Structure formats: structure tokens, C-alpha cells
């Protein structure tokens, strides 16, 4: 018979649903169900940079993605086990970015694909992942 140790299992876990424009951080033990971090690299920023030059646009995008990833990384440092999931390859890009930084070497990071889903579905996805 399986005992219900959800509090122990989920104590230091974080789920992050993300695409290239936003990241929803889901801490199952937090009273606030989740928080979001938004990327400043919008389609308007891309258009402006493209008008000037394509290389400028790529540099601007990289700089803004790094800023976005740094904000997410600052939150991840508080956890032992993190799930990155979402519909785009942003989760893999973030994982690669974090792997270059020794601050994250002791944090277990899982990556899973998911569709664009509602906040409640995201929470359920995280719960199911950490129950395994």
C-alpha cells in the first residue's frame, strides 16, 4: 500500500512551463499557486532590430534571452529538483544555458514536452511528474 508523502516528495521541487515569451514557475508548496517571468524580447523588439540589421537582431535576441534565463535561474537556485516543460525548445535552450553555470550542478533538471496548456493543467502536470 502506497503512503501519501506528497509533502516530503514535493518539498523542494519546482515546475516551469515555458515558451520563448514567458515562464510560469509552479511551486506545489507555495501559497501563491505560481508566478510568471516574461521575456522582454517581443515581436516589436524583433521588428525594430531587424530594420537596423539582422546581426543586431540576433545579438539583441541573445542578450534578452540571457536576461530572461538569468531571471529564471535566480528562482531555480532555491530548489533541488526542477521540471522544465512546454511546447517550444525554450526549455532545452534554458537547460543548456544552466548547464554552463556551476551554480546549477547540484540541481536535478528534467525536461518534458507539453502542449500550450492552462494554469490548472500546468499544475496537474507538475504534480504528476513529481509523484512518479
C-alpha atoms as a PDB file:
ATOM      1  CA  UNK A   1       0.000   0.000   0.000  1.00  0.00           C
ATOM      2  CA  UNK A   2       1.359   3.374  -1.018  1.00  0.00           C
ATOM      3  CA  UNK A   3       1.511   6.039   1.679  1.00  0.00           C
ATOM      4  CA  UNK A   4       0.847   9.621   0.762  1.00  0.00           C
ATOM      5  CA  UNK A   5       4.064  11.527   1.352  1.00  0.00           C
ATOM      6  CA  UNK A   6       3.352  14.369  -1.023  1.00  0.00           C
ATOM      7  CA  UNK A   7       4.736  16.955   1.389  1.00  0.00           C
ATOM      8  CA  UNK A   8       8.070  15.180   1.602  1.00  0.00           C
ATOM      9  CA  UNK A   9       8.305  14.418  -2.121  1.00  0.00           C
ATOM     10  CA  UNK A  10       7.362  17.890  -3.300  1.00  0.00           C
ATOM     11  CA  UNK A  11       9.205  19.835  -0.634  1.00  0.00           C
ATOM     12  CA  UNK A  12      11.920  21.252  -2.797  1.00  0.00           C
ATOM     13  CA  UNK A  13      10.572  20.824  -6.341  1.00  0.00           C
ATOM     14  CA  UNK A  14       9.743  23.409  -8.972  1.00  0.00           C
ATOM     15  CA  UNK A  15       7.909  23.063 -12.269  1.00  0.00           C
ATOM     16  CA  UNK A  16       8.480  25.615 -15.029  1.00  0.00           C
ATOM     17  CA  UNK A  17       6.187  25.744 -18.040  1.00  0.00           C
ATOM     18  CA  UNK A  18       7.827  27.933 -20.627  1.00  0.00           C
ATOM     19  CA  UNK A  19       7.957  29.140 -24.173  1.00  0.00           C
ATOM     20  CA  UNK A  20      10.170  31.878 -25.605  1.00  0.00           C
ATOM     21  CA  UNK A  21       7.992  34.694 -24.267  1.00  0.00           C
ATOM     22  CA  UNK A  22       7.148  33.605 -20.721  1.00  0.00           C
ATOM     23  CA  UNK A  23       7.872  31.153 -17.926  1.00  0.00           C
ATOM     24  CA  UNK A  24       5.317  30.054 -15.320  1.00  0.00           C
ATOM     25  CA  UNK A  25       7.021  28.896 -12.116  1.00  0.00           C
ATOM     26  CA  UNK A  26       4.949  26.364 -10.207  1.00  0.00           C
ATOM     27  CA  UNK A  27       5.943  25.543  -6.625  1.00  0.00           C
ATOM     28  CA  UNK A  28       3.443  22.996  -5.305  1.00  0.00           C
ATOM     29  CA  UNK A  29       4.100  24.072  -1.703  1.00  0.00           C
ATOM     30  CA  UNK A  30       3.761  27.789  -2.302  1.00  0.00           C
ATOM     31  CA  UNK A  31       0.620  29.572  -1.171  1.00  0.00           C
ATOM     32  CA  UNK A  32       0.794  31.625  -4.374  1.00  0.00           C
ATOM     33  CA  UNK A  33      -0.013  28.998  -6.972  1.00  0.00           C
ATOM     34  CA  UNK A  34       2.576  30.267  -9.443  1.00  0.00           C
ATOM     35  CA  UNK A  35       4.399  33.313 -10.706  1.00  0.00           C
ATOM     36  CA  UNK A  36       5.401  34.340 -14.212  1.00  0.00           C
ATOM     37  CA  UNK A  37       8.538  35.779 -15.727  1.00  0.00           C
ATOM     38  CA  UNK A  38       8.130  37.500 -19.069  1.00  0.00           C
ATOM     39  CA  UNK A  39      10.775  37.876 -21.753  1.00  0.00           C
ATOM     40  CA  UNK A  40      11.401  41.396 -22.967  1.00  0.00           C
ATOM     41  CA  UNK A  41      12.149  40.085 -26.472  1.00  0.00           C
ATOM     42  CA  UNK A  42       8.817  40.810 -28.136  1.00  0.00           C
ATOM     43  CA  UNK A  43       7.855  40.771 -31.790  1.00  0.00           C
ATOM     44  CA  UNK A  44       8.120  44.590 -31.725  1.00  0.00           C
ATOM     45  CA  UNK A  45      11.703  44.389 -30.424  1.00  0.00           C
ATOM     46  CA  UNK A  46      12.500  41.863 -33.147  1.00  0.00           C
ATOM     47  CA  UNK A  47      10.995  44.111 -35.866  1.00  0.00           C
ATOM     48  CA  UNK A  48      12.936  47.163 -34.634  1.00  0.00           C
ATOM     49  CA  UNK A  49      16.212  45.264 -34.544  1.00  0.00           C
ATOM     50  CA  UNK A  50      15.597  43.666 -37.952  1.00  0.00           C
ATOM     51  CA  UNK A  51      15.057  47.075 -39.536  1.00  0.00           C
ATOM     52  CA  UNK A  52      18.536  48.086 -38.368  1.00  0.00           C
ATOM     53  CA  UNK A  53      20.302  44.829 -39.245  1.00  0.00           C
ATOM     54  CA  UNK A  54      19.900  41.091 -38.960  1.00  0.00           C
ATOM     55  CA  UNK A  55      23.059  40.635 -36.882  1.00  0.00           C
ATOM     56  CA  UNK A  56      21.848  43.322 -34.456  1.00  0.00           C
ATOM     57  CA  UNK A  57      18.541  41.434 -34.146  1.00  0.00           C
ATOM     58  CA  UNK A  58      20.368  38.183 -33.315  1.00  0.00           C
ATOM     59  CA  UNK A  59      22.570  39.945 -30.743  1.00  0.00           C
ATOM     60  CA  UNK A  60      19.551  41.666 -29.187  1.00  0.00           C
ATOM     61  CA  UNK A  61      17.636  38.369 -29.042  1.00  0.00           C
ATOM     62  CA  UNK A  62      20.559  36.556 -27.422  1.00  0.00           C
ATOM     63  CA  UNK A  63      21.050  39.340 -24.869  1.00  0.00           C
ATOM     64  CA  UNK A  64      17.342  39.388 -23.966  1.00  0.00           C
ATOM     65  CA  UNK A  65      17.099  35.586 -23.795  1.00  0.00           C
ATOM     66  CA  UNK A  66      20.098  35.519 -21.448  1.00  0.00           C
ATOM     67  CA  UNK A  67      18.411  38.129 -19.261  1.00  0.00           C
ATOM     68  CA  UNK A  68      15.194  36.033 -19.304  1.00  0.00           C
ATOM     69  CA  UNK A  69      17.155  32.857 -18.441  1.00  0.00           C
ATOM     70  CA  UNK A  70      19.069  34.648 -15.654  1.00  0.00           C
ATOM     71  CA  UNK A  71      15.782  35.676 -14.009  1.00  0.00           C
ATOM     72  CA  UNK A  72      14.505  32.103 -14.175  1.00  0.00           C
ATOM     73  CA  UNK A  73      17.850  30.753 -12.950  1.00  0.00           C
ATOM     74  CA  UNK A  74      17.757  33.004  -9.886  1.00  0.00           C
ATOM     75  CA  UNK A  75      14.481  31.302  -8.900  1.00  0.00           C
ATOM     76  CA  UNK A  76      15.739  27.787  -9.686  1.00  0.00           C
ATOM     77  CA  UNK A  77      18.646  28.111  -7.223  1.00  0.00           C
ATOM     78  CA  UNK A  78      16.190  27.707  -4.325  1.00  0.00           C
ATOM     79  CA  UNK A  79      15.262  24.153  -5.402  1.00  0.00           C
ATOM     80  CA  UNK A  80      16.797  20.668  -5.575  1.00  0.00           C
ATOM     81  CA  UNK A  81      14.666  19.250  -8.420  1.00  0.00           C
ATOM     82  CA  UNK A  82      13.242  21.204 -11.362  1.00  0.00           C
ATOM     83  CA  UNK A  83      10.956  20.201 -14.219  1.00  0.00           C
ATOM     84  CA  UNK A  84      11.171  22.268 -17.429  1.00  0.00           C
ATOM     85  CA  UNK A  85       8.248  21.709 -19.766  1.00  0.00           C
ATOM     86  CA  UNK A  86       6.377  23.414 -22.568  1.00  0.00           C
ATOM     87  CA  UNK A  87       5.607  23.423 -26.288  1.00  0.00           C
ATOM     88  CA  UNK A  88       8.792  25.035 -27.673  1.00  0.00           C
ATOM     89  CA  UNK A  89      12.516  24.324 -27.487  1.00  0.00           C
ATOM     90  CA  UNK A  90      12.936  27.186 -24.968  1.00  0.00           C
ATOM     91  CA  UNK A  91      13.132  24.602 -22.175  1.00  0.00           C
ATOM     92  CA  UNK A  92      16.096  22.893 -23.861  1.00  0.00           C
ATOM     93  CA  UNK A  93      17.796  26.244 -24.510  1.00  0.00           C
ATOM     94  CA  UNK A  94      17.377  27.164 -20.831  1.00  0.00           C
ATOM     95  CA  UNK A  95      18.733  23.761 -19.766  1.00  0.00           C
ATOM     96  CA  UNK A  96      21.802  24.209 -21.992  1.00  0.00           C
ATOM     97  CA  UNK A  97      22.306  27.719 -20.619  1.00  0.00           C
ATOM     98  CA  UNK A  98      22.104  26.477 -16.999  1.00  0.00           C
ATOM     99  CA  UNK A  99      24.489  23.586 -17.692  1.00  0.00           C
ATOM    100  CA  UNK A 100      27.256  26.121 -18.403  1.00  0.00           C
ATOM    101  CA  UNK A 101      26.891  27.565 -14.888  1.00  0.00           C
ATOM    102  CA  UNK A 102      28.316  25.613 -11.927  1.00  0.00           C
ATOM    103  CA  UNK A 103      25.710  27.144  -9.581  1.00  0.00           C
ATOM    104  CA  UNK A 104      23.202  24.652 -11.006  1.00  0.00           C
ATOM    105  CA  UNK A 105      25.356  21.489 -10.916  1.00  0.00           C
ATOM    106  CA  UNK A 106      23.603  20.015  -7.846  1.00  0.00           C
ATOM    107  CA  UNK A 107      20.089  20.685  -9.091  1.00  0.00           C
ATOM    108  CA  UNK A 108      18.348  17.813 -10.869  1.00  0.00           C
ATOM    109  CA  UNK A 109      16.664  19.186 -14.000  1.00  0.00           C
ATOM    110  CA  UNK A 110      14.129  17.157 -16.002  1.00  0.00           C
ATOM    111  CA  UNK A 111      12.811  18.201 -19.414  1.00  0.00           C
ATOM    112  CA  UNK A 112       9.432  17.175 -20.849  1.00  0.00           C
ATOM    113  CA  UNK A 113       7.358  18.331 -23.787  1.00  0.00           C
ATOM    114  CA  UNK A 114       3.803  19.539 -23.332  1.00  0.00           C
ATOM    115  CA  UNK A 115       1.241  21.457 -25.303  1.00  0.00           C
ATOM    116  CA  UNK A 116       0.183  25.006 -24.578  1.00  0.00           C
ATOM    117  CA  UNK A 117      -1.976  24.273 -21.518  1.00  0.00           C
ATOM    118  CA  UNK A 118      -3.941  26.178 -18.888  1.00  0.00           C
ATOM    119  CA  UNK A 119      -2.549  27.116 -15.462  1.00  0.00           C
ATOM    120  CA  UNK A 120      -4.545  24.310 -13.810  1.00  0.00           C
ATOM    121  CA  UNK A 121      -3.257  21.785 -16.353  1.00  0.00           C
ATOM    122  CA  UNK A 122       0.293  23.019 -15.755  1.00  0.00           C
ATOM    123  CA  UNK A 123      -0.098  22.485 -12.013  1.00  0.00           C
ATOM    124  CA  UNK A 124      -1.503  18.975 -12.575  1.00  0.00           C
ATOM    125  CA  UNK A 125       1.382  18.204 -14.973  1.00  0.00           C
ATOM    126  CA  UNK A 126       3.902  19.188 -12.274  1.00  0.00           C
ATOM    127  CA  UNK A 127       2.048  17.206  -9.583  1.00  0.00           C
ATOM    128  CA  UNK A 128       2.007  14.101 -11.806  1.00  0.00           C
ATOM    129  CA  UNK A 129       5.681  14.442 -12.661  1.00  0.00           C
ATOM    130  CA  UNK A 130       6.872  14.652  -9.065  1.00  0.00           C
ATOM    131  CA  UNK A 131       4.565  11.865  -7.869  1.00  0.00           C
ATOM    132  CA  UNK A 132       6.468   9.387 -10.084  1.00  0.00           C
END
